[in-house]
All heavy atoms as atom14 arrays in JSON, in Angstrom:
{
  "sequence": "IKAASLIGGFIAFSLLVMFALGGFGKGFSESEGGLGG",
  "atom14_mask": [
    [1, 1, 1, 1, 1, 1, 1, 1, 0, 0, 0, 0, 0, 0],
    [1, 1, 1, 1, 1, 1, 1, 1, 1, 0, 0, 0, 0, 0],
    [1, 1, 1, 1, 1, 0, 0, 0, 0, 0, 0, 0, 0, 0],
    [1, 1, 1, 1, 1, 0, 0, 0, 0, 0, 0, 0, 0, 0],
    [1, 1, 1, 1, 1, 1, 0, 0, 0, 0, 0, 0, 0, 0],
    [1, 1, 1, 1, 1, 1, 1, 1, 0, 0, 0, 0, 0, 0],
    [1, 1, 1, 1, 1, 1, 1, 1, 0, 0, 0, 0, 0, 0],
    [1, 1, 1, 1, 0, 0, 0, 0, 0, 0, 0, 0, 0, 0],
    [1, 1, 1, 1, 0, 0, 0, 0, 0, 0, 0, 0, 0, 0],
    [1, 1, 1, 1, 1, 1, 1, 1, 1, 1, 1, 0, 0, 0],
    [1, 1, 1, 1, 1, 1, 1, 1, 0, 0, 0, 0, 0, 0],
    [1, 1, 1, 1, 1, 0, 0, 0, 0, 0, 0, 0, 0, 0],
    [1, 1, 1, 1, 1, 1, 1, 1, 1, 1, 1, 0, 0, 0],
    [1, 1, 1, 1, 1, 1, 0, 0, 0, 0, 0, 0, 0, 0],
    [1, 1, 1, 1, 1, 1, 1, 1, 0, 0, 0, 0, 0, 0],
    [1, 1, 1, 1, 1, 1, 1, 1, 0, 0, 0, 0, 0, 0],
    [1, 1, 1, 1, 1, 1, 1, 0, 0, 0, 0, 0, 0, 0],
    [1, 1, 1, 1, 1, 1, 1, 1, 0, 0, 0, 0, 0, 0],
    [1, 1, 1, 1, 1, 1, 1, 1, 1, 1, 1, 0, 0, 0],
    [1, 1, 1, 1, 1, 0, 0, 0, 0, 0, 0, 0, 0, 0],
    [1, 1, 1, 1, 1, 1, 1, 1, 0, 0, 0, 0, 0, 0],
    [1, 1, 1, 1, 0, 0, 0, 0, 0, 0, 0, 0, 0, 0],
    [1, 1, 1, 1, 0, 0, 0, 0, 0, 0, 0, 0, 0, 0],
    [1, 1, 1, 1, 1, 1, 1, 1, 1, 1, 1, 0, 0, 0],
    [1, 1, 1, 1, 0, 0, 0, 0, 0, 0, 0, 0, 0, 0],
    [1, 1, 1, 1, 1, 1, 1, 1, 1, 0, 0, 0, 0, 0],
    [1, 1, 1, 1, 0, 0, 0, 0, 0, 0, 0, 0, 0, 0],
    [1, 1, 1, 1, 1, 1, 1, 1, 1, 1, 1, 0, 0, 0],
    [1, 1, 1, 1, 1, 1, 0, 0, 0, 0, 0, 0, 0, 0],
    [1, 1, 1, 1, 1, 1, 1, 1, 1, 0, 0, 0, 0, 0],
    [1, 1, 1, 1, 1, 1, 0, 0, 0, 0, 0, 0, 0, 0],
    [1, 1, 1, 1, 1, 1, 1, 1, 1, 0, 0, 0, 0, 0],
    [1, 1, 1, 1, 0, 0, 0, 0, 0, 0, 0, 0, 0, 0],
    [1, 1, 1, 1, 0, 0, 0, 0, 0, 0, 0, 0, 0, 0],
    [1, 1, 1, 1, 1, 1, 1, 1, 0, 0, 0, 0, 0, 0],
    [1, 1, 1, 1, 0, 0, 0, 0, 0, 0, 0, 0, 0, 0],
    [1, 1, 1, 1, 0, 0, 0, 0, 0, 0, 0, 0, 0, 0]
  ],
  "atom14_positions": [
    [[3.52, 22.26, 0.98], [3.85, 21.67, -0.32], [4.95, 20.61, -0.17], [4.88, 19.52, -0.74], [4.28, 22.76, -1.32], [3.09, 23.66, -1.67], [4.86, 22.13, -2.59], [3.46, 24.87, -2.49], [0.0, 0.0, 0.0], [0.0, 0.0, 0.0], [0.0, 0.0, 0.0], [0.0, 0.0, 0.0], [0.0, 0.0, 0.0], [0.0, 0.0, 0.0]],
    [[5.97, 20.93, 0.65], [7.06, 19.98, 0.89], [6.52, 18.72, 1.57], [6.88, 17.59, 1.2], [8.13, 20.63, 1.77], [9.29, 19.7, 2.11], [10.29, 20.42, 3.02], [11.4, 19.49, 3.47], [12.35, 20.16, 4.39], [0.0, 0.0, 0.0], [0.0, 0.0, 0.0], [0.0, 0.0, 0.0], [0.0, 0.0, 0.0], [0.0, 0.0, 0.0]],
    [[5.64, 18.91, 2.56], [5.06, 17.78, 3.27], [4.26, 16.9, 2.32], [4.35, 15.66, 2.36], [4.18, 18.28, 4.41], [0.0, 0.0, 0.0], [0.0, 0.0, 0.0], [0.0, 0.0, 0.0], [0.0, 0.0, 0.0], [0.0, 0.0, 0.0], [0.0, 0.0, 0.0], [0.0, 0.0, 0.0], [0.0, 0.0, 0.0], [0.0, 0.0, 0.0]],
    [[3.47, 17.54, 1.46], [2.65, 16.79, 0.5], [3.52, 15.99, -0.45], [3.2, 14.85, -0.81], [1.75, 17.75, -0.27], [0.0, 0.0, 0.0], [0.0, 0.0, 0.0], [0.0, 0.0, 0.0], [0.0, 0.0, 0.0], [0.0, 0.0, 0.0], [0.0, 0.0, 0.0], [0.0, 0.0, 0.0], [0.0, 0.0, 0.0], [0.0, 0.0, 0.0]],
    [[4.67, 16.58, -0.84], [5.57, 15.87, -1.77], [6.21, 14.66, -1.09], [6.36, 13.6, -1.72], [6.64, 16.82, -2.3], [7.58, 17.16, -1.29], [0.0, 0.0, 0.0], [0.0, 0.0, 0.0], [0.0, 0.0, 0.0], [0.0, 0.0, 0.0], [0.0, 0.0, 0.0], [0.0, 0.0, 0.0], [0.0, 0.0, 0.0], [0.0, 0.0, 0.0]],
    [[6.58, 14.8, 0.18], [7.18, 13.68, 0.9], [6.17, 12.55, 1.11], [6.46, 11.38, 0.82], [7.71, 14.15, 2.26], [9.03, 14.9, 2.28], [9.31, 15.44, 3.68], [10.17, 13.99, 1.84], [0.0, 0.0, 0.0], [0.0, 0.0, 0.0], [0.0, 0.0, 0.0], [0.0, 0.0, 0.0], [0.0, 0.0, 0.0], [0.0, 0.0, 0.0]],
    [[4.99, 12.91, 1.59], [3.96, 11.89, 1.86], [3.49, 11.27, 0.54], [3.36, 10.05, 0.43], [2.78, 12.51, 2.63], [3.24, 12.97, 4.02], [1.63, 11.52, 2.75], [2.21, 13.81, 4.77], [0.0, 0.0, 0.0], [0.0, 0.0, 0.0], [0.0, 0.0, 0.0], [0.0, 0.0, 0.0], [0.0, 0.0, 0.0], [0.0, 0.0, 0.0]],
    [[3.23, 12.13, -0.46], [2.77, 11.63, -1.76], [3.8, 10.73, -2.42], [3.46, 9.67, -2.97], [0.0, 0.0, 0.0], [0.0, 0.0, 0.0], [0.0, 0.0, 0.0], [0.0, 0.0, 0.0], [0.0, 0.0, 0.0], [0.0, 0.0, 0.0], [0.0, 0.0, 0.0], [0.0, 0.0, 0.0], [0.0, 0.0, 0.0], [0.0, 0.0, 0.0]],
    [[5.08, 11.13, -2.36], [6.13, 10.3, -2.95], [6.29, 8.97, -2.24], [6.46, 7.93, -2.86], [0.0, 0.0, 0.0], [0.0, 0.0, 0.0], [0.0, 0.0, 0.0], [0.0, 0.0, 0.0], [0.0, 0.0, 0.0], [0.0, 0.0, 0.0], [0.0, 0.0, 0.0], [0.0, 0.0, 0.0], [0.0, 0.0, 0.0], [0.0, 0.0, 0.0]],
    [[6.23, 9.02, -0.91], [6.32, 7.8, -0.11], [5.21, 6.83, -0.48], [5.45, 5.64, -0.72], [6.24, 8.15, 1.38], [6.17, 6.98, 2.3], [7.3, 6.23, 2.6], [4.95, 6.61, 2.87], [7.23, 5.14, 3.46], [4.87, 5.52, 3.73], [6.01, 4.78, 4.03], [0.0, 0.0, 0.0], [0.0, 0.0, 0.0], [0.0, 0.0, 0.0]],
    [[3.98, 7.33, -0.58], [2.84, 6.47, -0.93], [2.97, 5.97, -2.36], [2.75, 4.79, -2.64], [1.51, 7.24, -0.74], [1.29, 7.53, 0.75], [0.34, 6.45, -1.3], [0.11, 8.44, 1.03], [0.0, 0.0, 0.0], [0.0, 0.0, 0.0], [0.0, 0.0, 0.0], [0.0, 0.0, 0.0], [0.0, 0.0, 0.0], [0.0, 0.0, 0.0]],
    [[3.35, 6.88, -3.29], [3.44, 6.5, -4.7], [4.48, 5.41, -4.93], [4.23, 4.42, -5.62], [3.75, 7.73, -5.55], [0.0, 0.0, 0.0], [0.0, 0.0, 0.0], [0.0, 0.0, 0.0], [0.0, 0.0, 0.0], [0.0, 0.0, 0.0], [0.0, 0.0, 0.0], [0.0, 0.0, 0.0], [0.0, 0.0, 0.0], [0.0, 0.0, 0.0]],
    [[5.68, 5.58, -4.35], [6.73, 4.58, -4.52], [6.31, 3.25, -3.89], [6.59, 2.18, -4.44], [8.04, 5.07, -3.9], [8.88, 5.89, -4.83], [8.48, 7.17, -5.2], [10.05, 5.39, -5.36], [9.26, 7.92, -6.06], [10.84, 6.14, -6.23], [10.43, 7.41, -6.59], [0.0, 0.0, 0.0], [0.0, 0.0, 0.0], [0.0, 0.0, 0.0]],
    [[5.65, 3.31, -2.75], [5.2, 2.09, -2.08], [4.19, 1.34, -2.93], [4.29, 0.11, -3.12], [4.58, 2.44, -0.72], [5.48, 3.15, 0.09], [0.0, 0.0, 0.0], [0.0, 0.0, 0.0], [0.0, 0.0, 0.0], [0.0, 0.0, 0.0], [0.0, 0.0, 0.0], [0.0, 0.0, 0.0], [0.0, 0.0, 0.0], [0.0, 0.0, 0.0]],
    [[3.21, 2.08, -3.47], [2.18, 1.44, -4.29], [2.76, 0.89, -5.58], [2.33, -0.17, -6.06], [1.06, 2.44, -4.6], [0.22, 2.89, -3.4], [-0.82, 3.93, -3.84], [-0.47, 1.71, -2.74], [0.0, 0.0, 0.0], [0.0, 0.0, 0.0], [0.0, 0.0, 0.0], [0.0, 0.0, 0.0], [0.0, 0.0, 0.0], [0.0, 0.0, 0.0]],
    [[3.75, 1.6, -6.15], [4.39, 1.13, -7.37], [5.09, -0.2, -7.15], [4.96, -1.14, -7.95], [5.39, 2.18, -7.87], [6.1, 1.88, -9.18], [5.1, 1.8, -10.32], [7.16, 2.94, -9.49], [0.0, 0.0, 0.0], [0.0, 0.0, 0.0], [0.0, 0.0, 0.0], [0.0, 0.0, 0.0], [0.0, 0.0, 0.0], [0.0, 0.0, 0.0]],
    [[5.83, -0.31, -6.05], [6.52, -1.56, -5.73], [5.51, -2.66, -5.41], [5.67, -3.81, -5.83], [7.5, -1.37, -4.55], [8.09, -2.69, -4.12], [8.6, -0.4, -4.94], [0.0, 0.0, 0.0], [0.0, 0.0, 0.0], [0.0, 0.0, 0.0], [0.0, 0.0, 0.0], [0.0, 0.0, 0.0], [0.0, 0.0, 0.0], [0.0, 0.0, 0.0]],
    [[4.47, -2.31, -4.68], [3.44, -3.29, -4.37], [2.79, -3.83, -5.64], [2.55, -5.03, -5.77], [2.37, -2.65, -3.47], [1.4, -3.65, -2.88], [0.34, -2.9, -1.63], [-0.72, -4.3, -1.25], [0.0, 0.0, 0.0], [0.0, 0.0, 0.0], [0.0, 0.0, 0.0], [0.0, 0.0, 0.0], [0.0, 0.0, 0.0], [0.0, 0.0, 0.0]],
    [[2.53, -2.94, -6.61], [1.98, -3.37, -7.89], [2.95, -4.28, -8.63], [2.57, -5.33, -9.16], [1.64, -2.15, -8.76], [1.28, -2.5, -10.17], [0.05, -3.06, -10.47], [2.19, -2.28, -11.2], [-0.28, -3.41, -11.78], [1.88, -2.62, -12.51], [0.63, -3.18, -12.8], [0.0, 0.0, 0.0], [0.0, 0.0, 0.0], [0.0, 0.0, 0.0]],
    [[4.24, -3.89, -8.65], [5.25, -4.69, -9.37], [5.39, -6.09, -8.77], [5.7, -7.05, -9.49], [6.59, -3.97, -9.34], [0.0, 0.0, 0.0], [0.0, 0.0, 0.0], [0.0, 0.0, 0.0], [0.0, 0.0, 0.0], [0.0, 0.0, 0.0], [0.0, 0.0, 0.0], [0.0, 0.0, 0.0], [0.0, 0.0, 0.0], [0.0, 0.0, 0.0]],
    [[5.15, -6.21, -7.48], [5.25, -7.52, -6.82], [3.94, -8.29, -6.82], [3.86, -9.39, -6.29], [5.72, -7.33, -5.37], [7.16, -6.83, -5.19], [7.43, -6.5, -3.73], [8.17, -7.87, -5.69], [0.0, 0.0, 0.0], [0.0, 0.0, 0.0], [0.0, 0.0, 0.0], [0.0, 0.0, 0.0], [0.0, 0.0, 0.0], [0.0, 0.0, 0.0]],
    [[2.89, -7.7, -7.42], [1.6, -8.39, -7.49], [0.78, -8.29, -6.23], [-0.1, -9.12, -5.99], [0.0, 0.0, 0.0], [0.0, 0.0, 0.0], [0.0, 0.0, 0.0], [0.0, 0.0, 0.0], [0.0, 0.0, 0.0], [0.0, 0.0, 0.0], [0.0, 0.0, 0.0], [0.0, 0.0, 0.0], [0.0, 0.0, 0.0], [0.0, 0.0, 0.0]],
    [[1.05, -7.26, -5.43], [0.39, -7.15, -4.14], [-1.09, -6.85, -4.2], [-1.79, -7.01, -3.2], [0.0, 0.0, 0.0], [0.0, 0.0, 0.0], [0.0, 0.0, 0.0], [0.0, 0.0, 0.0], [0.0, 0.0, 0.0], [0.0, 0.0, 0.0], [0.0, 0.0, 0.0], [0.0, 0.0, 0.0], [0.0, 0.0, 0.0], [0.0, 0.0, 0.0]],
    [[-1.6, -6.44, -5.36], [-3.03, -6.16, -5.47], [-3.81, -7.34, -6.04], [-4.99, -7.22, -6.34], [-3.25, -4.92, -6.36], [-2.7, -3.67, -5.75], [-1.55, -3.08, -6.28], [-3.28, -3.1, -4.64], [-1.02, -1.93, -5.72], [-2.76, -1.94, -4.07], [-1.63, -1.36, -4.62], [0.0, 0.0, 0.0], [0.0, 0.0, 0.0], [0.0, 0.0, 0.0]],
    [[-3.13, -8.46, -6.18], [-3.79, -9.66, -6.69], [-4.39, -10.48, -5.57], [-4.74, -9.98, -4.5], [0.0, 0.0, 0.0], [0.0, 0.0, 0.0], [0.0, 0.0, 0.0], [0.0, 0.0, 0.0], [0.0, 0.0, 0.0], [0.0, 0.0, 0.0], [0.0, 0.0, 0.0], [0.0, 0.0, 0.0], [0.0, 0.0, 0.0], [0.0, 0.0, 0.0]],
    [[-4.48, -11.78, -5.79], [-5.07, -12.69, -4.82], [-4.27, -12.65, -3.52], [-3.07, -12.74, -3.51], [-5.07, -14.12, -5.37], [-5.74, -15.14, -4.45], [-5.79, -16.51, -5.11], [-6.33, -17.56, -4.16], [-7.68, -17.29, -3.7], [0.0, 0.0, 0.0], [0.0, 0.0, 0.0], [0.0, 0.0, 0.0], [0.0, 0.0, 0.0], [0.0, 0.0, 0.0]],
    [[-4.98, -12.48, -2.41], [-4.33, -12.4, -1.11], [-4.48, -11.03, -0.48], [-4.46, -10.9, 0.74], [0.0, 0.0, 0.0], [0.0, 0.0, 0.0], [0.0, 0.0, 0.0], [0.0, 0.0, 0.0], [0.0, 0.0, 0.0], [0.0, 0.0, 0.0], [0.0, 0.0, 0.0], [0.0, 0.0, 0.0], [0.0, 0.0, 0.0], [0.0, 0.0, 0.0]],
    [[-4.7, -9.99, -1.33], [-4.78, -8.63, -0.8], [-5.96, -8.46, 0.15], [-5.86, -7.82, 1.18], [-4.9, -7.64, -1.95], [-5.02, -6.21, -1.5], [-3.97, -5.61, -0.82], [-6.17, -5.46, -1.73], [-4.06, -4.29, -0.39], [-6.26, -4.15, -1.31], [-5.22, -3.57, -0.64], [0.0, 0.0, 0.0], [0.0, 0.0, 0.0], [0.0, 0.0, 0.0]],
    [[-7.1, -9.07, -0.15], [-8.29, -8.89, 0.68], [-8.52, -10.01, 1.67], [-9.44, -9.96, 2.47], [-9.53, -8.76, -0.22], [-9.74, -9.95, -0.95], [0.0, 0.0, 0.0], [0.0, 0.0, 0.0], [0.0, 0.0, 0.0], [0.0, 0.0, 0.0], [0.0, 0.0, 0.0], [0.0, 0.0, 0.0], [0.0, 0.0, 0.0], [0.0, 0.0, 0.0]],
    [[-7.68, -11.05, 1.64], [-7.94, -12.22, 2.46], [-7.6, -12.02, 3.92], [-7.95, -12.83, 4.75], [-7.16, -13.42, 1.91], [-7.72, -13.87, 0.57], [-6.95, -15.05, 0.01], [-5.95, -15.47, 0.65], [-7.33, -15.55, -1.05], [0.0, 0.0, 0.0], [0.0, 0.0, 0.0], [0.0, 0.0, 0.0], [0.0, 0.0, 0.0], [0.0, 0.0, 0.0]],
    [[-6.91, -10.93, 4.26], [-6.54, -10.69, 5.65], [-7.61, -9.89, 6.4], [-7.44, -9.55, 7.53], [-5.21, -9.94, 5.73], [-5.32, -8.71, 5.08], [0.0, 0.0, 0.0], [0.0, 0.0, 0.0], [0.0, 0.0, 0.0], [0.0, 0.0, 0.0], [0.0, 0.0, 0.0], [0.0, 0.0, 0.0], [0.0, 0.0, 0.0], [0.0, 0.0, 0.0]],
    [[-8.7, -9.58, 5.72], [-9.74, -8.79, 6.37], [-10.37, -9.57, 7.51], [-10.55, -10.77, 7.44], [-10.8, -8.37, 5.34], [-10.27, -7.4, 4.3], [-11.33, -7.04, 3.27], [-12.47, -7.51, 3.41], [-11.0, -6.31, 2.33], [0.0, 0.0, 0.0], [0.0, 0.0, 0.0], [0.0, 0.0, 0.0], [0.0, 0.0, 0.0], [0.0, 0.0, 0.0]],
    [[-10.78, -8.84, 8.56], [-11.42, -9.46, 9.72], [-10.4, -9.8, 10.79], [-9.2, -9.89, 10.55], [0.0, 0.0, 0.0], [0.0, 0.0, 0.0], [0.0, 0.0, 0.0], [0.0, 0.0, 0.0], [0.0, 0.0, 0.0], [0.0, 0.0, 0.0], [0.0, 0.0, 0.0], [0.0, 0.0, 0.0], [0.0, 0.0, 0.0], [0.0, 0.0, 0.0]],
    [[-10.89, -9.97, 11.99], [-10.02, -10.38, 13.1], [-9.3, -9.25, 13.77], [-8.45, -9.48, 14.63], [0.0, 0.0, 0.0], [0.0, 0.0, 0.0], [0.0, 0.0, 0.0], [0.0, 0.0, 0.0], [0.0, 0.0, 0.0], [0.0, 0.0, 0.0], [0.0, 0.0, 0.0], [0.0, 0.0, 0.0], [0.0, 0.0, 0.0], [0.0, 0.0, 0.0]],
    [[-9.61, -7.99, 13.41], [-8.93, -6.85, 14.02], [-9.23, -6.81, 15.52], [-10.38, -6.93, 15.93], [-9.4, -5.55, 13.37], [-8.72, -4.28, 13.84], [-7.26, -4.26, 13.43], [-9.44, -3.05, 13.27], [0.0, 0.0, 0.0], [0.0, 0.0, 0.0], [0.0, 0.0, 0.0], [0.0, 0.0, 0.0], [0.0, 0.0, 0.0], [0.0, 0.0, 0.0]],
    [[-8.19, -6.64, 16.32], [-8.36, -6.59, 17.76], [-8.0, -7.88, 18.46], [-7.79, -7.9, 19.68], [0.0, 0.0, 0.0], [0.0, 0.0, 0.0], [0.0, 0.0, 0.0], [0.0, 0.0, 0.0], [0.0, 0.0, 0.0], [0.0, 0.0, 0.0], [0.0, 0.0, 0.0], [0.0, 0.0, 0.0], [0.0, 0.0, 0.0], [0.0, 0.0, 0.0]],
    [[-7.88, -8.95, 17.7], [-7.51, -10.23, 18.31], [-6.03, -10.38, 18.55], [-5.6, -11.24, 19.32], [0.0, 0.0, 0.0], [0.0, 0.0, 0.0], [0.0, 0.0, 0.0], [0.0, 0.0, 0.0], [0.0, 0.0, 0.0], [0.0, 0.0, 0.0], [0.0, 0.0, 0.0], [0.0, 0.0, 0.0], [0.0, 0.0, 0.0], [0.0, 0.0, 0.0]]
  ]
}
């Protein structure tokens, strides 16, 4: 339960800040491809 709260909180706070900064808008999917280069 403690582990789930730490991981869940870490992810939730990260996503909240990413949303506040507009990270899910234009640009989020443009980095796809090129993995391994």
